[in-house]
């Protein structure tokens, strides 16, 4: 979930920080006080913090205080540890998944798991919403459908079909139809409104069939809707025969275990990455405290349409883009399992001057998670139960540091052996960085992975 920095130095008491905050605020001008208080209110109700640099003389300190003063609103007094769990079995894989709200005031994660989305293909995806749940739920409902409907899918070009599906999500969420679908996926009031508008404004019979696209245009009071200001990460894995295609936008992560070694099949899209920074700046944005325009701590996401308003740039070049990195990997008998999980599971390597305040003991690195799963599988055959143990392991005992306090969703996909018995010899893995999706066509995406230690596996060259 894209959220403010939450970690504070342990040596500083909460009381002293609050006291200092109010001393600082009392010295601000009326306009500055208004900006701080309004930002606290928006953050308290789950919104993204929106402070323009010019509004405050001390942007660093003000942003820190806003985050701290709003923390009580985004966390519960006790975590919600009830879990939604599920197990399934397909022709070539079996899976388990689990999700938990945790300390968060609301659950904004979503997921999709289809072990047999067609006769030869499996699809799995995790979606981590920010600023609300609706974009994540929209992706869980529609993204896999768009992969299947894309013309490239029927020709076997999974990379192109999944890339087009990611970008298609932003287009589908615009206009009257987009507003209505998002409303139906929202809270109870919006669901009712969306259903009523659907009865009134949705095309009837042949009108829909006349459309070239199955996402029919609708007239209505929200025809000029430009899309949601909330957003979601998306990390999906598609398995067909011995081919694995992983597409990612945001900081959810996909990891494969090969002979017990963890390899990242996706890259966390943080604004400070050089390729992301270059695009953000060229599109007219800026990065402050590791955040796009001082607000969003993701460089790629579905939704977040306020960052995609430059009419002179394609979707791939906007300040924030839904364009995914796509990696294609040949599976082999050495592959143990695949993990897709939202960022509530993972340990981050933060950059910037807040890094010394981070305590990531409640979350896991990719290798730590792989090791933990291997250990659990020795005594537990039910994959969803293993996922539940991971969530419990990552849940923080309190919100003191902010780590381990996010929503958590994890899908564990186990390969049935002899995956590639009839396939050609597998291509060895390499610890190289994935190719930037915006500089190379998806059809030629890299098959290279990166491992946790940046050391090549034994069979690499």
Foldseek 3Di string as FASTA:
>chain_A
DWDDAQFDFPVDDPVNLVVVLVVVLVPDDPQLVVLLVVQLVQVLVQAWRADFPVSDPCVVVSLVSSRSSNVVSFFDPFFFLDKDKDWADDDWWTKIKIWGFTGGPDAQKDWAWACPPDPFKTKIKIKGWGRFRLQNVLCNPPLVVQLVPDPVVVVVLSLQSNLVSLQVSQVLLAAPRNQLSSQCSHDPVSVVVSVVCCVVWPDDDVQCVVDPDNSHHTDDPRRGGNFALIWIWMWMWMDGQQKIKIWTFAAWWKWWAFLLFIWTPFDHAWCPDPVLVVLLVVQPWHADPRAISSITRGQETRTSCVQVPPPVDDQLRTSYHSRIQMAMFGHAQRIFKMKTKGPLAADDCDDDPCNVSADQQLHYHRSRLSVQLVVPVVPDDGNNVSNSVSLVSNQDPDPNGPRNRGIIMMMMMGTDGPSQVVHDDTAAEAQDDWDDCSPDPSSPTYNHIRTPVNDGDPPHD
